[in-house]
PDB file of all heavy atoms in Angstrom:
ATOM      1  N   THR A   1      19.269 -45.452  41.942  1.00  0.00           N
ATOM      2  CA  THR A   1      19.547 -44.875  40.568  1.00  0.00           C
ATOM      3  C   THR A   1      18.647 -45.413  39.575  1.00  0.00           C
ATOM      4  O   THR A   1      18.941 -45.121  38.326  1.00  0.00           O
ATOM      5  CB  THR A   1      21.055 -45.043  40.239  1.00  0.00           C
ATOM      6  OG1 THR A   1      21.348 -46.477  40.291  1.00  0.00           O
ATOM      7  CG2 THR A   1      21.946 -44.421  41.224  1.00  0.00           C
ATOM      8  N   LYS A   2      17.654 -46.180  39.841  1.00  0.00           N
ATOM      9  CA  LYS A   2      16.913 -46.903  38.811  1.00  0.00           C
ATOM     10  C   LYS A   2      16.186 -45.847  37.853  1.00  0.00           C
ATOM     11  O   LYS A   2      16.032 -46.093  36.622  1.00  0.00           O
ATOM     12  CB  LYS A   2      15.794 -47.720  39.388  1.00  0.00           C
ATOM     13  CG  LYS A   2      16.344 -48.972  40.050  1.00  0.00           C
ATOM     14  CD  LYS A   2      15.213 -49.877  40.670  1.00  0.00           C
ATOM     15  CE  LYS A   2      15.854 -51.120  41.273  1.00  0.00           C
ATOM     16  NZ  LYS A   2      14.747 -52.050  41.805  1.00  0.00           N
ATOM     17  N   LYS A   3      15.799 -44.671  38.435  1.00  0.00           N
ATOM     18  CA  LYS A   3      15.036 -43.676  37.662  1.00  0.00           C
ATOM     19  C   LYS A   3      15.967 -42.512  37.111  1.00  0.00           C
ATOM     20  O   LYS A   3      15.524 -41.504  36.707  1.00  0.00           O
ATOM     21  CB  LYS A   3      13.885 -43.156  38.473  1.00  0.00           C
ATOM     22  CG  LYS A   3      12.836 -44.130  38.849  1.00  0.00           C
ATOM     23  CD  LYS A   3      11.676 -43.569  39.617  1.00  0.00           C
ATOM     24  CE  LYS A   3      10.667 -44.652  39.965  1.00  0.00           C
ATOM     25  NZ  LYS A   3       9.497 -44.058  40.706  1.00  0.00           N
ATOM     26  N   ILE A   4      17.275 -42.768  37.293  1.00  0.00           N
ATOM     27  CA  ILE A   4      18.230 -41.681  36.889  1.00  0.00           C
ATOM     28  C   ILE A   4      19.113 -42.188  35.704  1.00  0.00           C
ATOM     29  O   ILE A   4      19.472 -43.397  35.753  1.00  0.00           O
ATOM     30  CB  ILE A   4      19.167 -41.271  38.025  1.00  0.00           C
ATOM     31  CG1 ILE A   4      18.391 -40.918  39.271  1.00  0.00           C
ATOM     32  CG2 ILE A   4      20.049 -40.150  37.660  1.00  0.00           C
ATOM     33  CD1 ILE A   4      19.139 -40.661  40.548  1.00  0.00           C
ATOM     34  N   SER A   5      19.261 -41.383  34.697  1.00  0.00           N
ATOM     35  CA  SER A   5      20.075 -41.844  33.523  1.00  0.00           C
ATOM     36  C   SER A   5      21.486 -42.241  33.959  1.00  0.00           C
ATOM     37  O   SER A   5      22.064 -41.633  34.859  1.00  0.00           O
ATOM     38  CB  SER A   5      20.015 -40.756  32.473  1.00  0.00           C
ATOM     39  OG  SER A   5      20.875 -39.638  32.859  1.00  0.00           O
ATOM     40  N   ASP A   6      22.044 -43.039  33.193  1.00  0.00           N
ATOM     41  CA  ASP A   6      23.513 -43.476  33.483  1.00  0.00           C
ATOM     42  C   ASP A   6      24.419 -42.267  33.321  1.00  0.00           C
ATOM     43  O   ASP A   6      25.359 -42.239  34.065  1.00  0.00           O
ATOM     44  CB  ASP A   6      23.890 -44.578  32.442  1.00  0.00           C
ATOM     45  CG  ASP A   6      23.190 -45.877  32.692  1.00  0.00           C
ATOM     46  OD1 ASP A   6      22.657 -46.050  33.765  1.00  0.00           O
ATOM     47  OD2 ASP A   6      23.188 -46.780  31.794  1.00  0.00           O
ATOM     48  N   HIS A   7      24.119 -41.418  32.411  1.00  0.00           N
ATOM     49  CA  HIS A   7      24.976 -40.184  32.129  1.00  0.00           C
ATOM     50  C   HIS A   7      24.990 -39.329  33.394  1.00  0.00           C
ATOM     51  O   HIS A   7      25.992 -38.839  33.861  1.00  0.00           O
ATOM     52  CB  HIS A   7      24.471 -39.404  30.963  1.00  0.00           C
ATOM     53  CG  HIS A   7      25.171 -38.094  30.752  1.00  0.00           C
ATOM     54  ND1 HIS A   7      26.540 -38.105  30.329  1.00  0.00           N
ATOM     55  CD2 HIS A   7      24.755 -36.896  30.869  1.00  0.00           C
ATOM     56  CE1 HIS A   7      26.864 -36.852  30.232  1.00  0.00           C
ATOM     57  NE2 HIS A   7      25.857 -36.079  30.523  1.00  0.00           N
ATOM     58  N   THR A   8      23.729 -39.086  33.936  1.00  0.00           N
ATOM     59  CA  THR A   8      23.601 -38.292  35.175  1.00  0.00           C
ATOM     60  C   THR A   8      24.260 -38.871  36.377  1.00  0.00           C
ATOM     61  O   THR A   8      24.952 -38.252  37.140  1.00  0.00           O
ATOM     62  CB  THR A   8      22.162 -37.954  35.479  1.00  0.00           C
ATOM     63  OG1 THR A   8      21.572 -37.332  34.354  1.00  0.00           O
ATOM     64  CG2 THR A   8      22.013 -37.160  36.722  1.00  0.00           C
ATOM     65  N   VAL A   9      24.045 -40.198  36.483  1.00  0.00           N
ATOM     66  CA  VAL A   9      24.721 -40.876  37.592  1.00  0.00           C
ATOM     67  C   VAL A   9      26.305 -40.694  37.545  1.00  0.00           C
ATOM     68  O   VAL A   9      26.921 -40.452  38.489  1.00  0.00           O
ATOM     69  CB  VAL A   9      24.347 -42.436  37.597  1.00  0.00           C
ATOM     70  CG1 VAL A   9      25.250 -43.238  38.590  1.00  0.00           C
ATOM     71  CG2 VAL A   9      22.910 -42.626  37.898  1.00  0.00           C
ATOM     72  N   ALA A  10      26.773 -40.957  36.310  1.00  0.00           N
ATOM     73  CA  ALA A  10      28.248 -40.762  36.076  1.00  0.00           C
ATOM     74  C   ALA A  10      28.708 -39.392  36.471  1.00  0.00           C
ATOM     75  O   ALA A  10      29.789 -39.157  37.109  1.00  0.00           O
ATOM     76  CB  ALA A  10      28.608 -41.166  34.673  1.00  0.00           C
ATOM     77  N   ARG A  11      27.974 -38.356  36.047  1.00  0.00           N
ATOM     78  CA  ARG A  11      28.341 -36.996  36.306  1.00  0.00           C
ATOM     79  C   ARG A  11      28.325 -36.696  37.782  1.00  0.00           C
ATOM     80  O   ARG A  11      29.282 -36.062  38.345  1.00  0.00           O
ATOM     81  CB  ARG A  11      27.383 -35.997  35.663  1.00  0.00           C
ATOM     82  CG  ARG A  11      27.460 -35.928  34.129  1.00  0.00           C
ATOM     83  CD  ARG A  11      26.427 -34.991  33.584  1.00  0.00           C
ATOM     84  NE  ARG A  11      26.706 -33.609  34.084  1.00  0.00           N
ATOM     85  CZ  ARG A  11      25.757 -32.774  34.407  1.00  0.00           C
ATOM     86  NH1 ARG A  11      24.498 -33.083  34.303  1.00  0.00           N
ATOM     87  NH2 ARG A  11      26.137 -31.512  34.771  1.00  0.00           N
ATOM     88  N   VAL A  12      27.324 -37.219  38.473  1.00  0.00           N
ATOM     89  CA  VAL A  12      27.235 -36.991  39.972  1.00  0.00           C
ATOM     90  C   VAL A  12      28.370 -37.710  40.664  1.00  0.00           C
ATOM     91  O   VAL A  12      29.034 -37.146  41.525  1.00  0.00           O
ATOM     92  CB  VAL A  12      25.905 -37.463  40.538  1.00  0.00           C
ATOM     93  CG1 VAL A  12      25.857 -37.340  42.067  1.00  0.00           C
ATOM     94  CG2 VAL A  12      24.753 -36.589  39.867  1.00  0.00           C
ATOM     95  N   LEU A  13      28.607 -38.925  40.304  1.00  0.00           N
ATOM     96  CA  LEU A  13      29.641 -39.722  40.958  1.00  0.00           C
ATOM     97  C   LEU A  13      31.093 -39.055  40.737  1.00  0.00           C
ATOM     98  O   LEU A  13      31.930 -38.945  41.606  1.00  0.00           O
ATOM     99  CB  LEU A  13      29.677 -41.137  40.415  1.00  0.00           C
ATOM    100  CG  LEU A  13      28.554 -42.023  40.851  1.00  0.00           C
ATOM    101  CD1 LEU A  13      28.597 -43.413  40.153  1.00  0.00           C
ATOM    102  CD2 LEU A  13      28.521 -42.264  42.329  1.00  0.00           C
ATOM    103  N   GLU A  14      31.247 -38.574  39.479  1.00  0.00           N
ATOM    104  CA  GLU A  14      32.570 -37.834  39.185  1.00  0.00           C
ATOM    105  C   GLU A  14      32.695 -36.620  40.065  1.00  0.00           C
ATOM    106  O   GLU A  14      33.796 -36.311  40.579  1.00  0.00           O
ATOM    107  CB  GLU A  14      32.547 -37.470  37.696  1.00  0.00           C
ATOM    108  CG  GLU A  14      33.878 -36.828  37.275  1.00  0.00           C
ATOM    109  CD  GLU A  14      33.898 -36.505  35.812  1.00  0.00           C
ATOM    110  OE1 GLU A  14      32.827 -36.730  35.140  1.00  0.00           O
ATOM    111  OE2 GLU A  14      34.875 -35.921  35.342  1.00  0.00           O
ATOM    112  N   LYS A  15      31.597 -35.857  40.217  1.00  0.00           N
ATOM    113  CA  LYS A  15      31.651 -34.637  41.052  1.00  0.00           C
ATOM    114  C   LYS A  15      31.875 -34.921  42.525  1.00  0.00           C
ATOM    115  O   LYS A  15      32.577 -34.253  43.193  1.00  0.00           O
ATOM    116  CB  LYS A  15      30.381 -33.783  40.824  1.00  0.00           C
ATOM    117  CG  LYS A  15      30.433 -32.430  41.506  1.00  0.00           C
ATOM    118  CD  LYS A  15      31.589 -31.573  41.165  1.00  0.00           C
ATOM    119  CE  LYS A  15      31.496 -31.185  39.698  1.00  0.00           C
ATOM    120  NZ  LYS A  15      32.627 -30.172  39.385  1.00  0.00           N
ATOM    121  N   LEU A  16      31.200 -36.019  42.964  1.00  0.00           N
ATOM    122  CA  LEU A  16      31.446 -36.478  44.431  1.00  0.00           C
ATOM    123  C   LEU A  16      32.868 -36.807  44.680  1.00  0.00           C
ATOM    124  O   LEU A  16      33.387 -36.379  45.682  1.00  0.00           O
ATOM    125  CB  LEU A  16      30.478 -37.707  44.714  1.00  0.00           C
ATOM    126  CG  LEU A  16      28.967 -37.413  44.735  1.00  0.00           C
ATOM    127  CD1 LEU A  16      28.232 -38.763  44.797  1.00  0.00           C
ATOM    128  CD2 LEU A  16      28.640 -36.546  45.970  1.00  0.00           C
ATOM    129  N   GLU A  17      33.483 -37.508  43.723  1.00  0.00           N
ATOM    130  CA  GLU A  17      34.881 -37.899  43.895  1.00  0.00           C
ATOM    131  C   GLU A  17      35.784 -36.635  43.832  1.00  0.00           C
ATOM    132  O   GLU A  17      36.714 -36.514  44.624  1.00  0.00           O
ATOM    133  CB  GLU A  17      35.280 -38.887  42.921  1.00  0.00           C
ATOM    134  CG  GLU A  17      36.712 -39.424  43.012  1.00  0.00           C
ATOM    135  CD  GLU A  17      37.017 -40.489  42.111  1.00  0.00           C
ATOM    136  OE1 GLU A  17      36.130 -40.990  41.333  1.00  0.00           O
ATOM    137  OE2 GLU A  17      38.189 -40.891  42.004  1.00  0.00           O
ATOM    138  N   GLU A  18      35.480 -35.751  42.861  1.00  0.00           N
ATOM    139  CA  GLU A  18      36.299 -34.564  42.663  1.00  0.00           C
ATOM    140  C   GLU A  18      36.272 -33.623  43.863  1.00  0.00           C
ATOM    141  O   GLU A  18      37.297 -33.102  44.219  1.00  0.00           O
ATOM    142  CB  GLU A  18      35.769 -33.865  41.405  1.00  0.00           C
ATOM    143  CG  GLU A  18      36.447 -32.532  41.039  1.00  0.00           C
ATOM    144  CD  GLU A  18      35.691 -31.779  39.968  1.00  0.00           C
ATOM    145  OE1 GLU A  18      35.269 -32.406  38.958  1.00  0.00           O
ATOM    146  OE2 GLU A  18      35.556 -30.584  40.091  1.00  0.00           O
ATOM    147  N   THR A  19      35.100 -33.519  44.464  1.00  0.00           N
ATOM    148  CA  THR A  19      34.961 -32.610  45.607  1.00  0.00           C
ATOM    149  C   THR A  19      35.333 -33.267  46.940  1.00  0.00           C
ATOM    150  O   THR A  19      35.433 -32.589  47.963  1.00  0.00           O
ATOM    151  CB  THR A  19      33.539 -32.070  45.747  1.00  0.00           C
ATOM    152  OG1 THR A  19      32.651 -33.155  45.894  1.00  0.00           O
ATOM    153  CG2 THR A  19      33.180 -31.233  44.520  1.00  0.00           C
ATOM    154  N   GLY A  20      35.550 -34.572  46.946  1.00  0.00           N
ATOM    155  CA  GLY A  20      35.859 -35.303  48.189  1.00  0.00           C
ATOM    156  C   GLY A  20      34.659 -35.277  49.190  1.00  0.00           C
ATOM    157  O   GLY A  20      34.866 -35.296  50.351  1.00  0.00           O
ATOM    158  N   TYR A  21      33.458 -35.321  48.629  1.00  0.00           N
ATOM    159  CA  TYR A  21      32.244 -35.305  49.440  1.00  0.00           C
ATOM    160  C   TYR A  21      32.247 -36.509  50.339  1.00  0.00           C
ATOM    161  O   TYR A  21      32.396 -37.650  49.960  1.00  0.00           O
ATOM    162  CB  TYR A  21      30.971 -35.276  48.600  1.00  0.00           C
ATOM    163  CG  TYR A  21      29.741 -35.425  49.344  1.00  0.00           C
ATOM    164  CD1 TYR A  21      29.192 -34.269  50.018  1.00  0.00           C
ATOM    165  CD2 TYR A  21      29.071 -36.625  49.494  1.00  0.00           C
ATOM    166  CE1 TYR A  21      28.046 -34.335  50.762  1.00  0.00           C
ATOM    167  CE2 TYR A  21      27.909 -36.692  50.262  1.00  0.00           C
ATOM    168  CZ  TYR A  21      27.374 -35.608  50.857  1.00  0.00           C
ATOM    169  OH  TYR A  21      26.215 -35.694  51.619  1.00  0.00           O
ATOM    170  N   ILE A  22      31.938 -36.276  51.688  1.00  0.00           N
ATOM    171  CA  ILE A  22      31.795 -37.284  52.666  1.00  0.00           C
ATOM    172  C   ILE A  22      30.404 -37.172  53.252  1.00  0.00           C
ATOM    173  O   ILE A  22      30.024 -36.173  53.875  1.00  0.00           O
ATOM    174  CB  ILE A  22      32.889 -37.187  53.820  1.00  0.00           C
ATOM    175  CG1 ILE A  22      34.269 -37.267  53.210  1.00  0.00           C
ATOM    176  CG2 ILE A  22      32.646 -38.251  54.859  1.00  0.00           C
ATOM    177  CD1 ILE A  22      35.319 -37.046  54.221  1.00  0.00           C
ATOM    178  N   PRO A  23      29.539 -38.185  53.005  1.00  0.00           N
ATOM    179  CA  PRO A  23      28.102 -38.085  53.548  1.00  0.00           C
ATOM    180  C   PRO A  23      28.124 -38.125  55.044  1.00  0.00           C
ATOM    181  O   PRO A  23      28.955 -38.719  55.696  1.00  0.00           O
ATOM    182  CB  PRO A  23      27.470 -39.307  52.935  1.00  0.00           C
ATOM    183  CG  PRO A  23      28.596 -40.278  52.689  1.00  0.00           C
ATOM    184  CD  PRO A  23      29.754 -39.436  52.370  1.00  0.00           C
ATOM    185  N   ASN A  24      27.186 -37.394  55.634  1.00  0.00           N
ATOM    186  CA  ASN A  24      26.931 -37.456  57.092  1.00  0.00           C
ATOM    187  C   ASN A  24      26.207 -38.723  57.384  1.00  0.00           C
ATOM    188  O   ASN A  24      24.942 -38.659  57.457  1.00  0.00           O
ATOM    189  CB  ASN A  24      26.172 -36.204  57.450  1.00  0.00           C
ATOM    190  CG  ASN A  24      26.062 -36.183  59.003  1.00  0.00           C
ATOM    191  OD1 ASN A  24      26.144 -37.155  59.681  1.00  0.00           O
ATOM    192  ND2 ASN A  24      25.691 -34.965  59.506  1.00  0.00           N
ATOM    193  N   MET A  25      26.977 -39.793  57.531  1.00  0.00           N
ATOM    194  CA  MET A  25      26.295 -41.090  57.704  1.00  0.00           C
ATOM    195  C   MET A  25      25.482 -41.227  59.022  1.00  0.00           C
ATOM    196  O   MET A  25      24.453 -41.840  59.046  1.00  0.00           O
ATOM    197  CB  MET A  25      27.359 -42.169  57.692  1.00  0.00           C
ATOM    198  CG  MET A  25      28.006 -42.388  56.318  1.00  0.00           C
ATOM    199  SD  MET A  25      26.822 -42.794  55.020  1.00  0.00           S
ATOM    200  CE  MET A  25      26.170 -44.347  55.606  1.00  0.00           C
ATOM    201  N   ALA A  26      25.876 -40.448  60.070  1.00  0.00           N
ATOM    202  CA  ALA A  26      25.155 -40.566  61.264  1.00  0.00           C
ATOM    203  C   ALA A  26      23.745 -40.025  61.114  1.00  0.00           C
ATOM    204  O   ALA A  26      22.802 -40.665  61.556  1.00  0.00           O
ATOM    205  CB  ALA A  26      25.892 -39.758  62.364  1.00  0.00           C
ATOM    206  N   ALA A  27      23.677 -38.885  60.476  1.00  0.00           N
ATOM    207  CA  ALA A  27      22.337 -38.310  60.280  1.00  0.00           C
ATOM    208  C   ALA A  27      21.510 -39.144  59.305  1.00  0.00           C
ATOM    209  O   ALA A  27      20.301 -39.324  59.486  1.00  0.00           O
ATOM    210  CB  ALA A  27      22.428 -36.872  59.718  1.00  0.00           C
ATOM    211  N   THR A  28      22.119 -39.656  58.320  1.00  0.00           N
ATOM    212  CA  THR A  28      21.440 -40.469  57.302  1.00  0.00           C
ATOM    213  C   THR A  28      20.930 -41.761  57.918  1.00  0.00           C
ATOM    214  O   THR A  28      19.722 -42.118  57.729  1.00  0.00           O
ATOM    215  CB  THR A  28      22.397 -40.824  56.101  1.00  0.00           C
ATOM    216  OG1 THR A  28      22.892 -39.640  55.493  1.00  0.00           O
ATOM    217  CG2 THR A  28      21.701 -41.672  55.036  1.00  0.00           C
TER     218      THR A  28
END
């Protein structure tokens, strides 16, 4: 997140939590 604004990071994190997003860790 070094090149991403704090505001954008906060928006993305909020949306990830809201949607219950679970990353595909195996593929990653």
